[in-house]
Amino acid sequence: MPFQYTFFVPQDIPGLIKLVGGRDAFIAKLDALFAGGHYDHGNEPSHHIAYLYDNAGAAWKTQQHVRNVLETQYADSPSGLAGNDDCGQMSAWYVMSSLGFYAVSPGTPIYQIGAPSSMTQPSTSNPANSFISMPLERLLETVYPLGHVEWSAAQPLLDYPLGDRRGR
């Protein structure tokens, strides 16, 4: 799986995009990985790959591939995972991706937006200035990196605080 490890530079995605030859070349390389059947969701170090399209300005492709993985790589059956659930990573990817975000660079409070499943219902209003809450249609169009996501058990809705710059 050496092709997958080409994309394992979560600490410097802009540097990786530049090294590959810019946004268009980076998107083409990601496309080749998925089209060639080289993406292996059972290999946990590849879980972030679908989210890299966000950084190259092709958020719709992140949404397409994340949705495909959610629908094809998980099932309610004895063989319902593409790999084993080492320390809960397979489950964590599913839960976070179903909610519509994922931490591409572990250990940082920055999340990329993916494709929330129909079970998530973002709030439509929030008085706090540092957060925005969006209807699902807007969330799917957003390509900003997210800051830490606040969750309230009393109000089971997600409020997404946005970063201060585009995720490109």
Protein backbone atom coordinates (compact mmCIF):
# COMPACT_ATOMS: atom_id res chain seq x y z
CA MET A 1 0.00 0.00 0.00
CA PRO A 2 2.80 2.51 -0.63
CA PHE A 3 0.46 4.66 -2.75
CA GLN A 4 -1.69 5.31 0.33
CA TYR A 5 1.30 6.40 2.39
CA THR A 6 2.02 9.15 -0.13
CA PHE A 7 -0.84 11.01 1.56
CA PHE A 8 0.22 10.37 5.15
CA VAL A 9 1.56 13.84 5.91
CA PRO A 10 -1.21 15.13 8.20
CA GLN A 11 1.12 17.64 9.85
CA ASP A 12 1.76 19.57 6.59
CA ILE A 13 -0.99 19.14 4.03
CA PRO A 14 -0.26 22.45 2.25
CA GLY A 15 3.37 21.34 1.91
CA LEU A 16 2.26 17.98 0.50
CA ILE A 17 -0.03 19.69 -2.04
CA LYS A 18 2.86 21.89 -3.14
CA LEU A 19 5.25 18.92 -3.34
CA VAL A 20 2.84 16.96 -5.55
CA GLY A 21 2.62 19.91 -7.96
CA GLY A 22 -0.26 22.07 -6.75
CA ARG A 23 -3.98 21.66 -6.26
CA ASP A 24 -4.87 20.20 -9.65
CA ALA A 25 -2.07 17.62 -9.54
CA PHE A 26 -2.96 16.75 -5.95
CA ILE A 27 -6.63 16.24 -6.82
CA ALA A 28 -5.61 14.10 -9.82
CA LYS A 29 -3.40 11.95 -7.55
CA LEU A 30 -6.24 11.49 -5.06
CA ASP A 31 -8.60 10.65 -7.92
CA ALA A 32 -6.14 8.02 -9.18
CA LEU A 33 -5.98 6.44 -5.73
CA PHE A 34 -9.75 6.07 -5.48
CA ALA A 35 -10.39 5.22 -9.16
CA GLY A 36 -7.64 2.60 -9.14
CA GLY A 37 -9.11 0.83 -6.13
CA HIS A 38 -6.05 1.61 -4.00
CA TYR A 39 -7.93 3.12 -1.08
CA ASP A 40 -8.06 0.58 1.77
CA HIS A 41 -10.33 1.74 4.57
CA GLY A 42 -9.25 -1.21 6.71
CA ASN A 43 -5.80 0.40 6.93
CA GLU A 44 -6.33 3.07 9.61
CA PRO A 45 -3.49 5.40 8.48
CA SER A 46 -5.56 6.03 5.34
CA HIS A 47 -8.72 7.21 7.11
CA HIS A 48 -7.95 10.88 6.50
CA ILE A 49 -7.37 10.57 2.76
CA ALA A 50 -10.93 11.32 1.57
CA TYR A 51 -10.85 14.53 3.62
CA LEU A 52 -7.74 15.84 1.83
CA TYR A 53 -9.86 17.04 -1.09
CA ASP A 54 -11.10 19.82 1.25
CA ASN A 55 -7.59 21.26 1.40
CA ALA A 56 -7.27 21.25 -2.38
CA GLY A 57 -10.54 23.09 -2.98
CA ALA A 58 -12.64 20.07 -4.01
CA ALA A 59 -14.88 19.64 -0.97
CA TRP A 60 -17.56 17.94 -3.03
CA LYS A 61 -15.14 15.06 -3.65
CA THR A 62 -14.53 14.73 0.08
CA GLN A 63 -18.28 14.48 0.55
CA GLN A 64 -18.63 11.94 -2.26
CA HIS A 65 -15.89 9.63 -0.99
CA VAL A 66 -16.79 9.92 2.69
CA ARG A 67 -20.40 9.09 1.90
CA ASN A 68 -19.29 6.12 -0.20
CA VAL A 69 -17.11 4.75 2.62
CA LEU A 70 -19.91 5.22 5.16
CA GLU A 71 -22.31 3.30 2.92
CA THR A 72 -20.02 0.53 1.64
CA GLN A 73 -17.41 -0.15 4.34
CA TYR A 74 -19.70 -0.51 7.38
CA ALA A 75 -22.57 -2.90 7.97
CA ASP A 76 -24.57 -4.31 10.85
CA SER A 77 -23.18 -7.83 10.49
CA PRO A 78 -20.34 -10.01 11.83
CA SER A 79 -18.12 -8.86 8.94
CA GLY A 80 -19.37 -5.26 9.04
CA LEU A 81 -15.94 -3.58 9.31
CA ALA A 82 -13.34 -3.34 6.56
CA GLY A 83 -10.61 -3.98 9.14
CA ASN A 84 -10.34 -4.55 12.87
CA ASP A 85 -11.39 -1.89 15.33
CA ASP A 86 -7.94 -1.20 16.85
CA CYS A 87 -8.56 0.97 19.90
CA GLY A 88 -11.87 2.06 18.37
CA GLN A 89 -10.44 3.86 15.32
CA MET A 90 -12.82 2.27 12.82
CA SER A 91 -15.78 3.18 15.05
CA ALA A 92 -14.43 6.68 15.74
CA TRP A 93 -14.08 7.35 12.00
CA TYR A 94 -17.67 6.22 11.44
CA VAL A 95 -19.11 8.31 14.27
CA MET A 96 -17.15 11.47 13.43
CA SER A 97 -17.77 11.14 9.70
CA SER A 98 -21.49 10.54 10.28
CA LEU A 99 -21.56 13.76 12.29
CA GLY A 100 -19.90 15.54 9.36
CA PHE A 101 -16.33 16.22 10.46
CA TYR A 102 -12.98 14.50 11.00
CA ALA A 103 -9.62 15.39 12.53
CA VAL A 104 -7.15 14.93 9.68
CA SER A 105 -4.17 15.85 11.85
CA PRO A 106 -4.51 14.00 15.17
CA GLY A 107 -3.74 16.01 18.27
CA THR A 108 -4.92 19.31 16.80
CA PRO A 109 -8.34 20.86 17.41
CA ILE A 110 -8.95 21.34 13.67
CA TYR A 111 -11.55 19.29 11.81
CA GLN A 112 -12.41 19.01 8.13
CA ILE A 113 -16.02 19.01 7.01
CA GLY A 114 -17.28 15.90 5.27
CA ALA A 115 -20.77 14.65 4.56
CA PRO A 116 -23.03 14.46 7.61
CA SER A 117 -25.45 11.58 7.54
CA SER A 118 -29.17 12.14 7.81
CA MET A 119 -29.02 11.27 11.51
CA THR A 120 -27.30 14.58 12.31
CA GLN A 121 -29.30 17.75 12.74
CA PRO A 122 -27.17 20.88 13.07
CA SER A 123 -28.75 23.81 14.90
CA THR A 124 -30.07 26.73 12.88
CA SER A 125 -29.30 29.50 15.37
CA ASN A 126 -26.78 30.33 18.06
CA PRO A 127 -26.32 33.64 19.88
CA ALA A 128 -22.59 33.14 20.53
CA ASN A 129 -20.37 35.07 18.10
CA SER A 130 -17.61 32.46 18.05
CA PHE A 131 -19.81 29.69 16.71
CA ILE A 132 -22.09 29.26 13.77
CA SER A 133 -24.82 26.72 13.39
CA MET A 134 -25.86 25.83 9.89
CA PRO A 135 -28.67 23.99 8.20
CA LEU A 136 -27.43 20.80 6.56
CA GLU A 137 -27.49 22.28 3.03
CA ARG A 138 -25.04 25.03 4.03
CA LEU A 139 -22.83 22.63 5.96
CA LEU A 140 -22.31 20.53 2.85
CA GLU A 141 -21.12 23.62 0.94
CA THR A 142 -18.61 24.73 3.58
CA VAL A 143 -14.89 24.19 3.03
CA TYR A 144 -13.52 25.99 6.08
CA PRO A 145 -11.49 24.05 8.61
CA LEU A 146 -13.37 23.74 11.87
CA GLY A 147 -12.16 24.55 15.34
CA HIS A 148 -13.11 22.40 18.32
CA VAL A 149 -16.70 21.19 18.18
CA GLU A 150 -18.85 21.83 21.24
CA TRP A 151 -21.47 19.26 22.20
CA SER A 152 -24.21 19.81 24.73
CA ALA A 153 -26.11 16.84 26.15
CA ALA A 154 -28.89 19.22 27.21
CA GLN A 155 -29.29 20.42 23.62
CA PRO A 156 -28.33 17.52 21.31
CA LEU A 157 -27.36 19.70 18.37
CA LEU A 158 -23.91 20.44 17.01
CA ASP A 159 -22.54 23.96 16.81
CA TYR A 160 -19.56 24.32 14.49
CA PRO A 161 -17.03 27.05 15.29
CA LEU A 162 -15.27 28.07 12.09
CA GLY A 163 -11.57 28.76 11.66
CA ASP A 164 -10.44 32.18 10.56
CA ARG A 165 -9.29 31.18 7.08
CA ARG A 166 -10.25 28.92 4.22
CA GLY A 167 -8.87 25.39 4.32
CA ARG A 168 -6.84 25.70 1.15
